Structure formats: structure tokens, C-alpha cells
Amino acid sequence: ALYKQRQMIVEHPFGTIKRGLGMTYFLTKGMQSVKAEISFAFLAYNIKRAINILGVKEIIRRLTGKTASSSLQFYRFPMLIENIS
């Protein structure tokens, strides 16, 4: 029962990073650079997960304290803003 619970909670992010992000081996050598590399992989995983759960507009609103449409007005490509769900 404990192993099944661990599989559900802990091992899913590692599998997603390995399969979904294609990170099957480290590109760097040395403990410090490998730690940095895996930290970037988990950062990407967490950002992707937050986008899937909250959506881009909500993340921008929370980061800026404004609505997504008003905080994205400085971008050069306004047609992309309309497609954000």
C-alpha cells in the first residue's frame, strides 16, 4: 500500500520529465552542474503544470496583480494574446 501511494505521488513527476521532456540522461558532468540541470527540468515541469492547472491569464494576473490583457499590451504580437485561453 505504501509503495502504491509512493508511485502515485512521487514517481509521476520523474516519469513525466523523462518521457514528456525527453530528459533520459544528463548533458553535463559534475555534481553542481547536474543539480542545476535537474533543477531546470523540475522548474519547467512545475511551470508547465501551473499553466495546465491555472491557465496563462491567471498566472499573469497573479504575478502582476493586473488582468492578463492589460499586462500583455506591451508585447509586439497582440494577435497572440487573443488566442490565450
C-alpha atoms as a PDB file:
ATOM      1  CA  ALA A   1       0.000   0.000   0.000  1.00  0.00           C
ATOM      2  CA  LEU A   2       2.842   2.409   0.829  1.00  0.00           C
ATOM      3  CA  TYR A   3       4.657   1.635  -2.418  1.00  0.00           C
ATOM      4  CA  LYS A   4       1.484   2.192  -4.465  1.00  0.00           C
ATOM      5  CA  GLN A   5       0.968   5.534  -2.731  1.00  0.00           C
ATOM      6  CA  ARG A   6       4.592   6.491  -3.442  1.00  0.00           C
ATOM      7  CA  GLN A   7       4.113   5.573  -7.097  1.00  0.00           C
ATOM      8  CA  MET A   8       1.101   7.846  -7.360  1.00  0.00           C
ATOM      9  CA  ILE A   9       2.661  10.829  -5.580  1.00  0.00           C
ATOM     10  CA  VAL A  10       6.415  10.816  -6.113  1.00  0.00           C
ATOM     11  CA  GLU A  11       7.248   8.883  -9.245  1.00  0.00           C
ATOM     12  CA  HIS A  12       4.853  10.655 -11.630  1.00  0.00           C
ATOM     13  CA  PRO A  13       6.961  13.848 -11.982  1.00  0.00           C
ATOM     14  CA  PHE A  14      10.108  11.821 -12.692  1.00  0.00           C
ATOM     15  CA  GLY A  15       8.333   9.805 -15.383  1.00  0.00           C
ATOM     16  CA  THR A  16       6.856  12.932 -16.924  1.00  0.00           C
ATOM     17  CA  ILE A  17      10.238  14.634 -17.029  1.00  0.00           C
ATOM     18  CA  LYS A  18      11.851  11.539 -18.503  1.00  0.00           C
ATOM     19  CA  ARG A  19       9.225  10.851 -21.170  1.00  0.00           C
ATOM     20  CA  GLY A  20       7.470  14.171 -21.709  1.00  0.00           C
ATOM     21  CA  LEU A  21      10.514  16.438 -21.651  1.00  0.00           C
ATOM     22  CA  GLY A  22      12.822  13.835 -23.179  1.00  0.00           C
ATOM     23  CA  MET A  23      15.343  14.017 -20.368  1.00  0.00           C
ATOM     24  CA  THR A  24      16.712  10.490 -20.329  1.00  0.00           C
ATOM     25  CA  TYR A  25      20.278  11.418 -19.383  1.00  0.00           C
ATOM     26  CA  PHE A  26      22.241  14.414 -18.132  1.00  0.00           C
ATOM     27  CA  LEU A  27      24.092  16.611 -20.605  1.00  0.00           C
ATOM     28  CA  THR A  28      26.592  17.961 -18.085  1.00  0.00           C
ATOM     29  CA  LYS A  29      29.255  16.496 -15.813  1.00  0.00           C
ATOM     30  CA  GLY A  30      29.886  17.196 -12.158  1.00  0.00           C
ATOM     31  CA  MET A  31      27.543  17.282  -9.206  1.00  0.00           C
ATOM     32  CA  GLN A  32      26.952  21.046  -9.265  1.00  0.00           C
ATOM     33  CA  SER A  33      26.065  21.235 -12.957  1.00  0.00           C
ATOM     34  CA  VAL A  34      23.880  18.112 -12.778  1.00  0.00           C
ATOM     35  CA  LYS A  35      21.987  19.624  -9.840  1.00  0.00           C
ATOM     36  CA  ALA A  36      21.458  22.789 -11.881  1.00  0.00           C
ATOM     37  CA  GLU A  37      20.301  20.774 -14.884  1.00  0.00           C
ATOM     38  CA  ILE A  38      17.750  18.758 -12.899  1.00  0.00           C
ATOM     39  CA  SER A  39      16.587  21.944 -11.160  1.00  0.00           C
ATOM     40  CA  PHE A  40      15.826  23.500 -14.551  1.00  0.00           C
ATOM     41  CA  ALA A  41      13.963  20.348 -15.574  1.00  0.00           C
ATOM     42  CA  PHE A  42      11.779  20.461 -12.454  1.00  0.00           C
ATOM     43  CA  LEU A  43      11.236  24.202 -12.897  1.00  0.00           C
ATOM     44  CA  ALA A  44       9.990  23.548 -16.436  1.00  0.00           C
ATOM     45  CA  TYR A  45       7.767  20.738 -15.130  1.00  0.00           C
ATOM     46  CA  ASN A  46       6.280  22.964 -12.415  1.00  0.00           C
ATOM     47  CA  ILE A  47       5.663  25.881 -14.786  1.00  0.00           C
ATOM     48  CA  LYS A  48       4.032  23.570 -17.331  1.00  0.00           C
ATOM     49  CA  ARG A  49       1.845  22.091 -14.588  1.00  0.00           C
ATOM     50  CA  ALA A  50       0.840  25.539 -13.324  1.00  0.00           C
ATOM     51  CA  ILE A  51      -0.090  26.618 -16.843  1.00  0.00           C
ATOM     52  CA  ASN A  52      -2.207  23.492 -17.310  1.00  0.00           C
ATOM     53  CA  ILE A  53      -3.980  23.969 -13.972  1.00  0.00           C
ATOM     54  CA  LEU A  54      -4.422  27.752 -13.829  1.00  0.00           C
ATOM     55  CA  GLY A  55      -4.037  28.922 -17.414  1.00  0.00           C
ATOM     56  CA  VAL A  56      -1.796  31.641 -18.757  1.00  0.00           C
ATOM     57  CA  LYS A  57      -4.135  34.532 -17.987  1.00  0.00           C
ATOM     58  CA  GLU A  58      -4.473  33.563 -14.319  1.00  0.00           C
ATOM     59  CA  ILE A  59      -0.719  33.127 -13.880  1.00  0.00           C
ATOM     60  CA  ILE A  60      -0.055  36.559 -15.394  1.00  0.00           C
ATOM     61  CA  ARG A  61      -2.774  38.082 -13.223  1.00  0.00           C
ATOM     62  CA  ARG A  62      -1.251  36.593 -10.080  1.00  0.00           C
ATOM     63  CA  LEU A  63       2.290  37.626 -10.998  1.00  0.00           C
ATOM     64  CA  THR A  64       1.433  41.193 -11.938  1.00  0.00           C
ATOM     65  CA  GLY A  65      -1.651  41.845  -9.856  1.00  0.00           C
ATOM     66  CA  LYS A  66      -3.410  43.022 -13.027  1.00  0.00           C
ATOM     67  CA  THR A  67      -5.626  41.468 -15.643  1.00  0.00           C
ATOM     68  CA  ALA A  68      -3.834  39.455 -18.305  1.00  0.00           C
ATOM     69  CA  SER A  69      -4.980  41.637 -21.176  1.00  0.00           C
ATOM     70  CA  SER A  70      -3.699  44.863 -19.604  1.00  0.00           C
ATOM     71  CA  SER A  71      -0.330  43.373 -18.613  1.00  0.00           C
ATOM     72  CA  LEU A  72       0.281  41.917 -22.081  1.00  0.00           C
ATOM     73  CA  GLN A  73      -0.258  45.135 -24.013  1.00  0.00           C
ATOM     74  CA  PHE A  74       3.467  45.814 -24.308  1.00  0.00           C
ATOM     75  CA  TYR A  75       4.025  42.713 -26.456  1.00  0.00           C
ATOM     76  CA  ARG A  76       4.556  43.220 -30.181  1.00  0.00           C
ATOM     77  CA  PHE A  77       2.174  40.467 -31.214  1.00  0.00           C
ATOM     78  CA  PRO A  78      -1.320  41.344 -29.998  1.00  0.00           C
ATOM     79  CA  MET A  79      -2.886  38.613 -32.148  1.00  0.00           C
ATOM     80  CA  LEU A  80      -1.265  36.021 -29.879  1.00  0.00           C
ATOM     81  CA  ILE A  81      -2.987  37.481 -26.823  1.00  0.00           C
ATOM     82  CA  GLU A  82      -6.399  36.723 -28.266  1.00  0.00           C
ATOM     83  CA  ASN A  83      -5.525  33.019 -28.547  1.00  0.00           C
ATOM     84  CA  ILE A  84      -4.525  32.644 -24.878  1.00  0.00           C
ATOM     85  CA  SER A  85      -7.089  30.533 -23.119  1.00  0.00           C
END
